[in-house]
Amino acid sequence: MCLKAVAKPTNFLVIFLFFILPSKSILADITTSNVTFAEAVQAVKDKNYQHAVNLFELQAFAAQHDAQYNLALLLQSGKGRPQNYQQALFWAWSAYLGGIEPAKELSEDLKNILPEDSLKMTREKLIETLTDRINAGDRSALMELALFYREISEEPNFEEAYLWYSIASAFLLEGAILERNEAAGKVETKSLVELQDRAGTIFEKLSLDK
């Protein structure tokens, strides 16, 4: 099992249906801590998998993408907690959207195991989670939601990808303009006007909320 041991960015909370969200006071102490992450990695090395799962899970809730990947590996293998392919896929997809490249291969392996209804449920939960993060002010989730529509939705949805890349571009997120322009080339011209209107409305709301 190859765990990813890297420093983690600070992001907002995400909530998954199958887990209980820890209290905010606890999360403030552990979800952005490199010490906590290192402790979880050491727990894996010591084969104390239950402790590792608990620590990675707490950080995964806070959109710490390397912790999400490690949690997905443990849930896939059934170490520290019984195997759960659907939860593992949710976290693997989350990690991939957050830039953890090895999570893509893990996601494909899990995707090939699960039935269509489980895939649908997991995709829906991922959209809900990303939308909650965006509404909470986490702008990095804009790029993740756009990538979801481009690569993880059942069929590539370049219209929705263009919409969210457009909003991310307006917030000057790195790489968003290039991705927006690429997605625009795959959208019918007549659809762009409606998508741009939607993007403007969402952008204004997010700006006001901020």
N, C-alpha and C. Protein backbone atom coordinates (compact mmCIF):
# COMPACT_ATOMS: atom_id res chain seq x y z
N MET A 1 0.85 -1.19 0.00
CA MET A 1 0.00 0.00 0.00
C MET A 1 0.88 1.24 0.00
N CYS A 2 0.75 2.07 -0.98
CA CYS A 2 1.61 3.26 -1.10
C CYS A 2 0.85 4.48 -0.66
N LEU A 3 1.09 4.94 0.58
CA LEU A 3 0.43 6.12 1.08
C LEU A 3 1.13 7.36 0.60
N LYS A 4 0.37 8.43 0.48
CA LYS A 4 0.93 9.69 0.02
C LYS A 4 1.19 10.57 1.23
N ALA A 5 2.44 10.91 1.47
CA ALA A 5 2.81 11.71 2.63
C ALA A 5 3.29 13.07 2.17
N VAL A 6 2.38 14.00 2.03
CA VAL A 6 2.72 15.35 1.59
C VAL A 6 2.01 16.34 2.49
N ALA A 7 2.49 17.61 2.47
CA ALA A 7 1.82 18.66 3.22
C ALA A 7 0.47 18.93 2.59
N LYS A 8 -0.48 19.39 3.41
CA LYS A 8 -1.85 19.50 2.95
C LYS A 8 -2.29 20.95 2.95
N PRO A 9 -3.11 21.37 1.96
CA PRO A 9 -3.67 22.71 1.95
C PRO A 9 -4.84 22.81 2.91
N THR A 10 -5.24 24.04 3.24
CA THR A 10 -6.39 24.26 4.09
C THR A 10 -7.62 24.44 3.23
N ASN A 11 -8.66 23.68 3.52
CA ASN A 11 -9.90 23.79 2.78
C ASN A 11 -11.07 23.72 3.75
N PHE A 12 -12.30 23.81 3.21
CA PHE A 12 -13.48 23.76 4.03
C PHE A 12 -13.94 22.33 4.24
N LEU A 13 -14.94 22.18 5.09
CA LEU A 13 -15.43 20.86 5.45
C LEU A 13 -16.24 20.26 4.33
N VAL A 14 -16.17 18.94 4.20
CA VAL A 14 -17.08 18.20 3.35
C VAL A 14 -17.78 17.17 4.21
N ILE A 15 -18.99 16.81 3.84
CA ILE A 15 -19.78 15.86 4.61
C ILE A 15 -20.19 14.73 3.71
N PHE A 16 -19.96 13.48 4.14
CA PHE A 16 -20.36 12.31 3.36
C PHE A 16 -21.45 11.57 4.10
N LEU A 17 -22.39 11.06 3.38
CA LEU A 17 -23.58 10.43 3.93
C LEU A 17 -23.28 9.34 4.94
N PHE A 18 -22.23 8.57 4.70
CA PHE A 18 -21.99 7.38 5.49
C PHE A 18 -21.21 7.65 6.77
N PHE A 19 -20.77 8.90 7.00
CA PHE A 19 -19.93 9.18 8.15
C PHE A 19 -20.58 10.21 9.06
N ILE A 20 -20.10 10.29 10.30
CA ILE A 20 -20.57 11.31 11.24
C ILE A 20 -19.54 12.42 11.29
N LEU A 21 -19.97 13.65 11.12
CA LEU A 21 -19.07 14.79 11.11
C LEU A 21 -18.57 15.12 12.51
N PRO A 22 -17.25 15.23 12.70
CA PRO A 22 -16.73 15.58 14.02
C PRO A 22 -17.08 17.03 14.38
N SER A 23 -16.93 17.38 15.66
CA SER A 23 -17.23 18.75 16.09
C SER A 23 -16.20 19.72 15.51
N LYS A 24 -16.63 20.97 15.36
CA LYS A 24 -15.76 21.98 14.77
C LYS A 24 -14.52 22.23 15.63
N SER A 25 -14.67 22.15 16.94
CA SER A 25 -13.53 22.41 17.82
C SER A 25 -12.44 21.36 17.62
N ILE A 26 -12.84 20.12 17.41
CA ILE A 26 -11.86 19.06 17.16
C ILE A 26 -11.24 19.24 15.80
N LEU A 27 -12.08 19.54 14.81
CA LEU A 27 -11.57 19.70 13.45
C LEU A 27 -10.54 20.82 13.35
N ALA A 28 -10.76 21.88 14.12
CA ALA A 28 -9.84 23.02 14.07
C ALA A 28 -8.44 22.61 14.47
N ASP A 29 -8.32 21.61 15.33
CA ASP A 29 -7.03 21.18 15.83
C ASP A 29 -6.35 20.15 14.92
N ILE A 30 -7.11 19.37 14.20
CA ILE A 30 -6.51 18.21 13.54
C ILE A 30 -6.56 18.21 12.03
N THR A 31 -7.53 18.88 11.42
CA THR A 31 -7.73 18.68 9.99
C THR A 31 -6.68 19.35 9.12
N THR A 32 -5.99 20.36 9.66
CA THR A 32 -4.96 21.02 8.87
C THR A 32 -3.56 20.75 9.42
N SER A 33 -3.46 19.79 10.30
CA SER A 33 -2.19 19.54 10.98
C SER A 33 -1.34 18.52 10.23
N ASN A 34 -0.14 18.92 9.85
CA ASN A 34 0.81 17.98 9.27
C ASN A 34 1.24 16.93 10.29
N VAL A 35 1.22 17.31 11.55
CA VAL A 35 1.58 16.36 12.60
C VAL A 35 0.55 15.23 12.65
N THR A 36 -0.72 15.59 12.54
CA THR A 36 -1.77 14.58 12.53
C THR A 36 -1.63 13.65 11.34
N PHE A 37 -1.34 14.23 10.19
CA PHE A 37 -1.17 13.42 8.98
C PHE A 37 0.01 12.47 9.14
N ALA A 38 1.11 12.99 9.66
CA ALA A 38 2.29 12.15 9.86
C ALA A 38 2.00 11.04 10.87
N GLU A 39 1.20 11.34 11.87
CA GLU A 39 0.82 10.32 12.85
C GLU A 39 0.01 9.21 12.19
N ALA A 40 -0.86 9.59 11.26
CA ALA A 40 -1.67 8.60 10.55
C ALA A 40 -0.79 7.71 9.68
N VAL A 41 0.17 8.31 8.99
CA VAL A 41 1.10 7.54 8.16
C VAL A 41 1.90 6.57 9.03
N GLN A 42 2.37 7.05 10.18
CA GLN A 42 3.13 6.18 11.08
C GLN A 42 2.26 5.05 11.60
N ALA A 43 0.98 5.33 11.83
CA ALA A 43 0.06 4.30 12.29
C ALA A 43 -0.07 3.18 11.27
N VAL A 44 -0.05 3.54 9.99
CA VAL A 44 -0.07 2.52 8.93
C VAL A 44 1.21 1.69 8.99
N LYS A 45 2.33 2.35 9.14
CA LYS A 45 3.61 1.63 9.21
C LYS A 45 3.63 0.68 10.41
N ASP A 46 2.97 1.10 11.50
CA ASP A 46 2.92 0.28 12.70
C ASP A 46 1.79 -0.76 12.64
N LYS A 47 1.05 -0.76 11.52
CA LYS A 47 -0.09 -1.66 11.31
C LYS A 47 -1.22 -1.40 12.30
N ASN A 48 -1.27 -0.18 12.79
CA ASN A 48 -2.39 0.26 13.62
C ASN A 48 -3.41 0.93 12.70
N TYR A 49 -4.03 0.11 11.88
CA TYR A 49 -4.84 0.63 10.78
C TYR A 49 -6.10 1.34 11.26
N GLN A 50 -6.68 0.90 12.36
CA GLN A 50 -7.89 1.55 12.83
C GLN A 50 -7.62 3.01 13.21
N HIS A 51 -6.51 3.23 13.89
CA HIS A 51 -6.13 4.60 14.25
C HIS A 51 -5.85 5.42 13.00
N ALA A 52 -5.19 4.81 12.02
CA ALA A 52 -4.89 5.52 10.77
C ALA A 52 -6.17 5.92 10.05
N VAL A 53 -7.11 4.99 9.96
CA VAL A 53 -8.39 5.30 9.30
C VAL A 53 -9.09 6.46 9.99
N ASN A 54 -9.11 6.44 11.32
CA ASN A 54 -9.79 7.50 12.05
C ASN A 54 -9.17 8.87 11.79
N LEU A 55 -7.84 8.91 11.76
CA LEU A 55 -7.16 10.19 11.53
C LEU A 55 -7.33 10.67 10.09
N PHE A 56 -7.13 9.76 9.14
CA PHE A 56 -7.30 10.14 7.74
C PHE A 56 -8.73 10.58 7.46
N GLU A 57 -9.69 9.92 8.07
CA GLU A 57 -11.09 10.26 7.84
C GLU A 57 -11.40 11.67 8.31
N LEU A 58 -10.89 12.02 9.49
CA LEU A 58 -11.13 13.38 10.01
C LEU A 58 -10.57 14.43 9.06
N GLN A 59 -9.40 14.17 8.51
CA GLN A 59 -8.80 15.13 7.59
C GLN A 59 -9.48 15.09 6.22
N ALA A 60 -9.96 13.92 5.83
CA ALA A 60 -10.67 13.81 4.56
C ALA A 60 -11.94 14.65 4.57
N PHE A 61 -12.62 14.71 5.70
CA PHE A 61 -13.82 15.52 5.82
C PHE A 61 -13.53 16.99 5.51
N ALA A 62 -12.32 17.44 5.79
CA ALA A 62 -11.93 18.83 5.59
C ALA A 62 -11.27 19.04 4.22
N ALA A 63 -11.53 18.11 3.29
CA ALA A 63 -11.03 18.23 1.91
C ALA A 63 -9.51 18.24 1.84
N GLN A 64 -8.86 17.50 2.72
CA GLN A 64 -7.42 17.30 2.64
C GLN A 64 -7.21 16.13 1.69
N HIS A 65 -6.77 16.43 0.49
CA HIS A 65 -6.87 15.46 -0.61
C HIS A 65 -5.91 14.28 -0.46
N ASP A 66 -4.74 14.51 0.11
CA ASP A 66 -3.83 13.38 0.30
C ASP A 66 -4.39 12.41 1.35
N ALA A 67 -5.04 12.95 2.39
CA ALA A 67 -5.69 12.10 3.38
C ALA A 67 -6.85 11.33 2.75
N GLN A 68 -7.58 11.98 1.84
CA GLN A 68 -8.67 11.30 1.14
C GLN A 68 -8.15 10.09 0.36
N TYR A 69 -7.03 10.26 -0.30
CA TYR A 69 -6.46 9.17 -1.08
C TYR A 69 -6.05 8.01 -0.17
N ASN A 70 -5.37 8.33 0.92
CA ASN A 70 -4.94 7.28 1.84
C ASN A 70 -6.13 6.57 2.47
N LEU A 71 -7.17 7.33 2.79
CA LEU A 71 -8.37 6.73 3.34
C LEU A 71 -9.02 5.79 2.32
N ALA A 72 -9.04 6.21 1.06
CA ALA A 72 -9.61 5.36 0.01
C ALA A 72 -8.85 4.04 -0.09
N LEU A 73 -7.52 4.09 0.01
CA LEU A 73 -6.72 2.87 -0.04
C LEU A 73 -7.06 1.92 1.11
N LEU A 74 -7.22 2.48 2.30
CA LEU A 74 -7.52 1.65 3.46
C LEU A 74 -8.92 1.05 3.37
N LEU A 75 -9.87 1.83 2.89
CA LEU A 75 -11.23 1.32 2.74
C LEU A 75 -11.32 0.28 1.64
N GLN A 76 -10.51 0.45 0.60
CA GLN A 76 -10.49 -0.55 -0.47
C GLN A 76 -9.93 -1.87 0.04
N SER A 77 -8.89 -1.80 0.85
CA SER A 77 -8.22 -3.02 1.32
C SER A 77 -8.88 -3.62 2.55
N GLY A 78 -9.73 -2.83 3.22
CA GLY A 78 -10.39 -3.34 4.42
C GLY A 78 -9.48 -3.40 5.62
N LYS A 79 -8.54 -2.47 5.70
CA LYS A 79 -7.63 -2.41 6.84
C LYS A 79 -8.05 -1.28 7.77
N GLY A 80 -8.34 -1.62 9.02
CA GLY A 80 -8.79 -0.63 10.00
C GLY A 80 -10.28 -0.42 10.00
N ARG A 81 -10.95 -0.95 9.00
CA ARG A 81 -12.40 -0.87 8.88
C ARG A 81 -12.81 -1.84 7.79
N PRO A 82 -14.00 -2.45 7.87
CA PRO A 82 -14.40 -3.38 6.82
C PRO A 82 -14.37 -2.74 5.44
N GLN A 83 -14.07 -3.54 4.43
CA GLN A 83 -14.04 -3.03 3.06
C GLN A 83 -15.34 -2.32 2.72
N ASN A 84 -15.19 -1.20 2.05
CA ASN A 84 -16.37 -0.46 1.57
C ASN A 84 -15.97 0.23 0.27
N TYR A 85 -16.27 -0.43 -0.85
CA TYR A 85 -15.84 0.07 -2.15
C TYR A 85 -16.50 1.40 -2.51
N GLN A 86 -17.76 1.57 -2.09
CA GLN A 86 -18.45 2.80 -2.44
C GLN A 86 -17.84 4.00 -1.72
N GLN A 87 -17.57 3.87 -0.44
CA GLN A 87 -16.91 4.94 0.28
C GLN A 87 -15.50 5.18 -0.28
N ALA A 88 -14.81 4.09 -0.57
CA ALA A 88 -13.46 4.22 -1.12
C ALA A 88 -13.48 4.99 -2.43
N LEU A 89 -14.47 4.73 -3.28
CA LEU A 89 -14.56 5.44 -4.55
C LEU A 89 -14.86 6.91 -4.33
N PHE A 90 -15.74 7.21 -3.39
CA PHE A 90 -16.03 8.62 -3.11
C PHE A 90 -14.76 9.37 -2.75
N TRP A 91 -13.96 8.79 -1.86
CA TRP A 91 -12.75 9.48 -1.43
C TRP A 91 -11.68 9.46 -2.52
N ALA A 92 -11.62 8.40 -3.31
CA ALA A 92 -10.65 8.36 -4.41
C ALA A 92 -10.98 9.42 -5.45
N TRP A 93 -12.25 9.52 -5.81
CA TRP A 93 -12.66 10.57 -6.74
C TRP A 93 -12.37 11.95 -6.16
N SER A 94 -12.68 12.15 -4.89
CA SER A 94 -12.42 13.44 -4.24
C SER A 94 -10.94 13.79 -4.30
N ALA A 95 -10.10 12.80 -4.02
CA ALA A 95 -8.65 13.03 -4.05
C ALA A 95 -8.19 13.37 -5.46
N TYR A 96 -8.70 12.65 -6.45
CA TYR A 96 -8.29 12.93 -7.83
C TYR A 96 -8.70 14.34 -8.24
N LEU A 97 -9.92 14.74 -7.91
CA LEU A 97 -10.37 16.09 -8.24
C LEU A 97 -9.50 17.14 -7.56
N GLY A 98 -8.92 16.77 -6.43
CA GLY A 98 -8.05 17.70 -5.71
C GLY A 98 -6.60 17.64 -6.13
N GLY A 99 -6.31 16.88 -7.18
CA GLY A 99 -4.96 16.90 -7.74
C GLY A 99 -4.06 15.74 -7.37
N ILE A 100 -4.61 14.71 -6.73
CA ILE A 100 -3.80 13.53 -6.39
C ILE A 100 -3.89 12.55 -7.55
N GLU A 101 -2.91 12.56 -8.41
CA GLU A 101 -2.96 11.81 -9.67
C GLU A 101 -3.10 10.30 -9.48
N PRO A 102 -2.38 9.67 -8.52
CA PRO A 102 -2.54 8.22 -8.35
C PRO A 102 -3.96 7.79 -8.03
N ALA A 103 -4.78 8.72 -7.55
CA ALA A 103 -6.16 8.39 -7.22
C ALA A 103 -6.98 8.05 -8.46
N LYS A 104 -6.52 8.46 -9.62
CA LYS A 104 -7.26 8.16 -10.85
C LYS A 104 -7.29 6.66 -11.11
N GLU A 105 -6.14 6.01 -10.99
CA GLU A 105 -6.07 4.57 -11.22
C GLU A 105 -6.88 3.81 -10.18
N LEU A 106 -6.79 4.24 -8.93
CA LEU A 106 -7.58 3.62 -7.87
C LEU A 106 -9.06 3.77 -8.17
N SER A 107 -9.46 4.94 -8.61
CA SER A 107 -10.87 5.18 -8.94
C SER A 107 -11.35 4.25 -10.03
N GLU A 108 -10.53 4.06 -11.05
CA GLU A 108 -10.93 3.18 -12.14
C GLU A 108 -11.10 1.74 -11.66
N ASP A 109 -10.20 1.30 -10.79
CA ASP A 109 -10.32 -0.06 -10.25
C ASP A 109 -11.63 -0.22 -9.49
N LEU A 110 -11.96 0.75 -8.66
CA LEU A 110 -13.18 0.68 -7.86
C LEU A 110 -14.43 0.83 -8.73
N LYS A 111 -14.34 1.68 -9.71
CA LYS A 111 -15.47 1.90 -10.61
C LYS A 111 -15.85 0.61 -11.34
N ASN A 112 -14.86 -0.19 -11.68
CA ASN A 112 -15.11 -1.44 -12.40
C ASN A 112 -15.76 -2.51 -11.53
N ILE A 113 -15.68 -2.32 -10.21
CA ILE A 113 -16.25 -3.29 -9.28
C ILE A 113 -17.72 -2.99 -8.98
N LEU A 114 -18.04 -1.71 -8.85
CA LEU A 114 -19.34 -1.29 -8.32
C LEU A 114 -20.45 -1.34 -9.37
N PRO A 115 -21.68 -1.62 -8.95
CA PRO A 115 -22.83 -1.59 -9.86
C PRO A 115 -23.22 -0.15 -10.20
N GLU A 116 -24.03 0.00 -11.23
CA GLU A 116 -24.37 1.33 -11.73
C GLU A 116 -25.10 2.17 -10.69
N ASP A 117 -25.98 1.56 -9.90
CA ASP A 117 -26.72 2.35 -8.92
C ASP A 117 -25.79 2.93 -7.85
N SER A 118 -24.74 2.18 -7.49
CA SER A 118 -23.76 2.69 -6.53
C SER A 118 -22.94 3.82 -7.14
N LEU A 119 -22.59 3.69 -8.40
CA LEU A 119 -21.85 4.76 -9.08
C LEU A 119 -22.69 6.03 -9.14
N LYS A 120 -23.96 5.87 -9.47
CA LYS A 120 -24.86 7.03 -9.55
C LYS A 120 -24.96 7.72 -8.20
N MET A 121 -25.15 6.94 -7.14
CA MET A 121 -25.27 7.51 -5.80
C MET A 121 -23.99 8.25 -5.39
N THR A 122 -22.86 7.66 -5.72
CA THR A 122 -21.58 8.27 -5.35
C THR A 122 -21.36 9.56 -6.12
N ARG A 123 -21.70 9.57 -7.40
CA ARG A 123 -21.58 10.81 -8.18
C ARG A 123 -22.49 11.90 -7.62
N GLU A 124 -23.70 11.54 -7.29
CA GLU A 124 -24.63 12.53 -6.75
C GLU A 124 -24.12 13.11 -5.43
N LYS A 125 -23.57 12.24 -4.58
CA LYS A 125 -23.04 12.72 -3.31
C LYS A 125 -21.82 13.61 -3.53
N LEU A 126 -21.03 13.32 -4.52
CA LEU A 126 -19.86 14.13 -4.80
C LEU A 126 -20.27 15.52 -5.28
N ILE A 127 -21.27 15.59 -6.15
CA ILE A 127 -21.78 16.89 -6.60
C ILE A 127 -22.31 17.69 -5.41
N GLU A 128 -23.07 17.02 -4.54
CA GLU A 128 -23.62 17.69 -3.37
C GLU A 128 -22.51 18.23 -2.47
N THR A 129 -21.49 17.43 -2.27
CA THR A 129 -20.38 17.83 -1.40
C THR A 129 -19.62 19.01 -1.98
N LEU A 130 -19.32 18.95 -3.27
CA LEU A 130 -18.60 20.05 -3.91
C LEU A 130 -19.43 21.33 -3.91
N THR A 131 -20.72 21.20 -4.14
CA THR A 131 -21.61 22.36 -4.12
C THR A 131 -21.65 22.98 -2.73
N ASP A 132 -21.70 22.15 -1.70
CA ASP A 132 -21.68 22.66 -0.32
C ASP A 132 -20.38 23.42 -0.04
N ARG A 133 -19.27 22.89 -0.51
CA ARG A 133 -17.99 23.58 -0.31
C ARG A 133 -17.97 24.93 -1.03
N ILE A 134 -18.50 24.95 -2.25
CA ILE A 134 -18.55 26.22 -3.00
C ILE A 134 -19.41 27.23 -2.26
N ASN A 135 -20.58 26.80 -1.82
CA ASN A 135 -21.48 27.71 -1.11
C ASN A 135 -20.90 28.18 0.22
N ALA A 136 -20.00 27.38 0.77
CA ALA A 136 -19.33 27.77 2.03
C ALA A 136 -18.16 28.71 1.79
N GLY A 137 -17.86 28.98 0.52
CA GLY A 137 -16.78 29.93 0.20
C GLY A 137 -15.49 29.31 -0.25
N ASP A 138 -15.47 28.01 -0.45
CA ASP A 138 -14.24 27.32 -0.88
C ASP A 138 -14.13 27.38 -2.40
N ARG A 139 -13.39 28.35 -2.90
CA ARG A 139 -13.32 28.56 -4.34
C ARG A 139 -12.57 27.46 -5.07
N SER A 140 -11.68 26.76 -4.39
CA SER A 140 -10.96 25.68 -5.04
C SER A 140 -11.91 24.59 -5.53
N ALA A 141 -13.05 24.47 -4.88
CA ALA A 141 -14.04 23.47 -5.28
C ALA A 141 -14.67 23.78 -6.63
N LEU A 142 -14.57 25.02 -7.09
CA LEU A 142 -15.07 25.38 -8.43
C LEU A 142 -14.35 24.58 -9.50
N MET A 143 -13.04 24.53 -9.40
CA MET A 143 -12.25 23.77 -10.37
C MET A 143 -12.53 22.28 -10.26
N GLU A 144 -12.75 21.82 -9.05
CA GLU A 144 -13.01 20.40 -8.84
C GLU A 144 -14.36 19.99 -9.42
N LEU A 145 -15.36 20.85 -9.27
CA LEU A 145 -16.67 20.54 -9.83
C LEU A 145 -16.63 20.56 -11.36
N ALA A 146 -15.89 21.50 -11.92
CA ALA A 146 -15.74 21.54 -13.37
C ALA A 146 -15.07 20.27 -13.88
N LEU A 147 -14.02 19.84 -13.19
CA LEU A 147 -13.32 18.61 -13.58
C LEU A 147 -14.23 17.40 -13.42
N PHE A 148 -15.08 17.42 -12.40
CA PHE A 148 -16.04 16.34 -12.23
C PHE A 148 -16.89 16.18 -13.48
N TYR A 149 -17.44 17.29 -13.97
CA TYR A 149 -18.31 17.21 -15.14
C TYR A 149 -17.54 16.82 -16.40
N ARG A 150 -16.27 17.14 -16.42
CA ARG A 150 -15.48 16.80 -17.60
C ARG A 150 -15.05 15.34 -17.60
N GLU A 151 -14.78 14.76 -16.41
CA GLU A 151 -14.16 13.44 -16.39
C GLU A 151 -14.89 12.37 -15.57
N ILE A 152 -15.68 12.77 -14.59
CA ILE A 152 -16.24 11.77 -13.69
C ILE A 152 -17.73 11.54 -13.89
N SER A 153 -18.45 12.52 -14.40
CA SER A 153 -19.86 12.30 -14.68
C SER A 153 -20.02 11.14 -15.65
N GLU A 154 -21.21 10.55 -15.66
CA GLU A 154 -21.42 9.34 -16.45
C GLU A 154 -20.99 9.52 -17.90
N GLU A 155 -21.32 10.68 -18.46
CA GLU A 155 -20.83 11.08 -19.78
C GLU A 155 -20.21 12.46 -19.63
N PRO A 156 -19.13 12.77 -20.36
CA PRO A 156 -18.55 14.11 -20.25
C PRO A 156 -19.59 15.19 -20.53
N ASN A 157 -19.69 16.13 -19.63
CA ASN A 157 -20.66 17.22 -19.75
C ASN A 157 -19.88 18.53 -19.88
N PHE A 158 -19.55 18.88 -21.10
CA PHE A 158 -18.69 20.04 -21.32
C PHE A 158 -19.43 21.35 -21.08
N GLU A 159 -20.74 21.33 -21.17
CA GLU A 159 -21.50 22.54 -20.88
C GLU A 159 -21.36 22.91 -19.40
N GLU A 160 -21.58 21.94 -18.51
CA GLU A 160 -21.42 22.22 -17.09
C GLU A 160 -19.96 22.49 -16.72
N ALA A 161 -19.05 21.80 -17.39
CA ALA A 161 -17.63 22.07 -17.15
C ALA A 161 -17.30 23.51 -17.53
N TYR A 162 -17.80 23.95 -18.69
CA TYR A 162 -17.58 25.33 -19.12
C TYR A 162 -18.15 26.32 -18.11
N LEU A 163 -19.35 26.04 -17.62
CA LEU A 163 -20.00 26.92 -16.65
C LEU A 163 -19.11 27.14 -15.43
N TRP A 164 -18.64 26.04 -14.84
CA TRP A 164 -17.88 26.17 -13.59
C TRP A 164 -16.47 26.66 -13.83
N TYR A 165 -15.87 26.32 -14.97
CA TYR A 165 -14.57 26.90 -15.31
C TYR A 165 -14.71 28.41 -15.54
N SER A 166 -15.84 28.84 -16.09
CA SER A 166 -16.06 30.27 -16.30
C SER A 166 -16.10 31.02 -14.99
N ILE A 167 -16.79 30.45 -14.01
CA ILE A 167 -16.86 31.08 -12.69
C ILE A 167 -15.49 31.09 -12.04
N ALA A 168 -14.78 29.98 -12.15
CA ALA A 168 -13.43 29.90 -11.59
C ALA A 168 -12.52 30.92 -12.26
N SER A 169 -12.69 31.13 -13.57
CA SER A 169 -11.88 32.12 -14.29
C SER A 169 -12.14 33.52 -13.76
N ALA A 170 -13.41 33.83 -13.48
CA ALA A 170 -13.75 35.15 -12.96
C ALA A 170 -13.11 35.40 -11.60
N PHE A 171 -12.89 34.33 -10.84
CA PHE A 171 -12.20 34.45 -9.56
C PHE A 171 -10.69 34.33 -9.71
N LEU A 172 -10.22 34.22 -10.95
CA LEU A 172 -8.79 34.18 -11.27
C LEU A 172 -8.08 32.97 -10.69
N LEU A 173 -8.77 31.83 -10.65
CA LEU A 173 -8.12 30.61 -10.18
C LEU A 173 -7.14 30.11 -11.23
N GLU A 174 -6.02 29.62 -10.77
CA GLU A 174 -4.95 29.19 -11.66
C GLU A 174 -5.42 28.08 -12.61
N GLY A 175 -5.15 28.29 -13.89
CA GLY A 175 -5.48 27.29 -14.90
C GLY A 175 -6.90 27.33 -15.39
N ALA A 176 -7.75 28.14 -14.77
CA ALA A 176 -9.18 28.12 -15.10
C ALA A 176 -9.46 28.66 -16.50
N ILE A 177 -8.77 29.71 -16.90
CA ILE A 177 -9.04 30.31 -18.21
C ILE A 177 -8.71 29.34 -19.33
N LEU A 178 -7.60 28.67 -19.23
CA LEU A 178 -7.21 27.69 -20.25
C LEU A 178 -8.24 26.57 -20.33
N GLU A 179 -8.67 26.06 -19.18
CA GLU A 179 -9.65 24.98 -19.16
C GLU A 179 -11.01 25.47 -19.68
N ARG A 180 -11.37 26.68 -19.33
CA ARG A 180 -12.63 27.25 -19.82
C ARG A 180 -12.65 27.33 -21.34
N ASN A 181 -11.55 27.82 -21.90
CA ASN A 181 -11.49 27.98 -23.35
C ASN A 181 -11.51 26.63 -24.06
N GLU A 182 -10.86 25.65 -23.46
CA GLU A 182 -10.87 24.31 -24.05
C GLU A 182 -12.28 23.72 -24.02
N ALA A 183 -12.97 23.90 -22.89
CA ALA A 183 -14.33 23.39 -22.78
C ALA A 183 -15.27 24.11 -23.74
N ALA A 184 -15.06 25.42 -23.92
CA ALA A 184 -15.91 26.20 -24.82
C ALA A 184 -15.87 25.66 -26.25
N GLY A 185 -14.72 25.14 -26.64
CA GLY A 185 -14.58 24.60 -27.98
C GLY A 185 -15.41 23.35 -28.22
N LYS A 186 -15.93 22.77 -27.14
CA LYS A 186 -16.73 21.55 -27.25
C LYS A 186 -18.20 21.79 -26.93
N VAL A 187 -18.57 23.08 -26.85
CA VAL A 187 -19.95 23.46 -26.56
C VAL A 187 -20.52 24.18 -27.77
N GLU A 188 -21.77 23.87 -28.11
CA GLU A 188 -22.41 24.54 -29.22
C GLU A 188 -22.55 26.03 -28.92
N THR A 189 -22.32 26.85 -29.94
CA THR A 189 -22.33 28.30 -29.75
C THR A 189 -23.64 28.80 -29.17
N LYS A 190 -24.75 28.22 -29.60
CA LYS A 190 -26.06 28.68 -29.13
C LYS A 190 -26.25 28.42 -27.63
N SER A 191 -25.48 27.49 -27.08
CA SER A 191 -25.59 27.19 -25.65
C SER A 191 -24.75 28.13 -24.80
N LEU A 192 -23.76 28.77 -25.41
CA LEU A 192 -22.84 29.59 -24.63
C LEU A 192 -23.52 30.77 -23.97
N VAL A 193 -24.48 31.39 -24.66
CA VAL A 193 -25.15 32.56 -24.10
C VAL A 193 -25.87 32.21 -22.80
N GLU A 194 -26.62 31.12 -22.81
CA GLU A 194 -27.33 30.68 -21.61
C GLU A 194 -26.35 30.32 -20.50
N LEU A 195 -25.30 29.61 -20.85
CA LEU A 195 -24.31 29.22 -19.85
C LEU A 195 -23.61 30.43 -19.25
N GLN A 196 -23.32 31.43 -20.07
CA GLN A 196 -22.68 32.64 -19.57
C GLN A 196 -23.59 33.42 -18.64
N ASP A 197 -24.89 33.44 -18.96
CA ASP A 197 -25.86 34.09 -18.08
C ASP A 197 -25.91 33.37 -16.73
N ARG A 198 -25.95 32.05 -16.76
CA ARG A 198 -25.97 31.27 -15.52
C ARG A 198 -24.70 31.51 -14.71
N ALA A 199 -23.57 31.53 -15.41
CA ALA A 199 -22.29 31.75 -14.72
C ALA A 199 -22.27 33.11 -14.04
N GLY A 200 -22.79 34.12 -14.73
CA GLY A 200 -22.83 35.46 -14.15
C GLY A 200 -23.69 35.53 -12.90
N THR A 201 -24.83 34.87 -12.94
CA THR A 201 -25.73 34.85 -11.80
C THR A 201 -25.09 34.15 -10.60
N ILE A 202 -24.48 33.00 -10.85
CA ILE A 202 -23.83 32.26 -9.76
C ILE A 202 -22.65 33.05 -9.21
N PHE A 203 -21.87 33.66 -10.10
CA PHE A 203 -20.71 34.44 -9.67
C PHE A 203 -21.14 35.59 -8.76
N GLU A 204 -22.20 36.28 -9.13
CA GLU A 204 -22.68 37.39 -8.30
C GLU A 204 -23.11 36.91 -6.93
N LYS A 205 -23.81 35.80 -6.88
CA LYS A 205 -24.26 35.25 -5.61
C LYS A 205 -23.07 34.88 -4.72
N LEU A 206 -22.09 34.18 -5.33
CA LEU A 206 -20.93 33.77 -4.56
C LEU A 206 -20.13 34.98 -4.08
N SER A 207 -20.06 36.02 -4.90
CA SER A 207 -19.34 37.24 -4.51
C SER A 207 -20.03 37.93 -3.35
N LEU A 208 -21.37 37.96 -3.40
CA LEU A 208 -22.12 38.60 -2.31
C LEU A 208 -22.00 37.80 -1.02
N ASP A 209 -22.07 36.47 -1.16
CA ASP A 209 -21.96 35.62 0.01
C ASP A 209 -20.61 35.80 0.68
N LYS A 210 -19.57 35.99 -0.14
CA LYS A 210 -18.21 36.15 0.38
C LYS A 210 -18.13 37.43 1.20
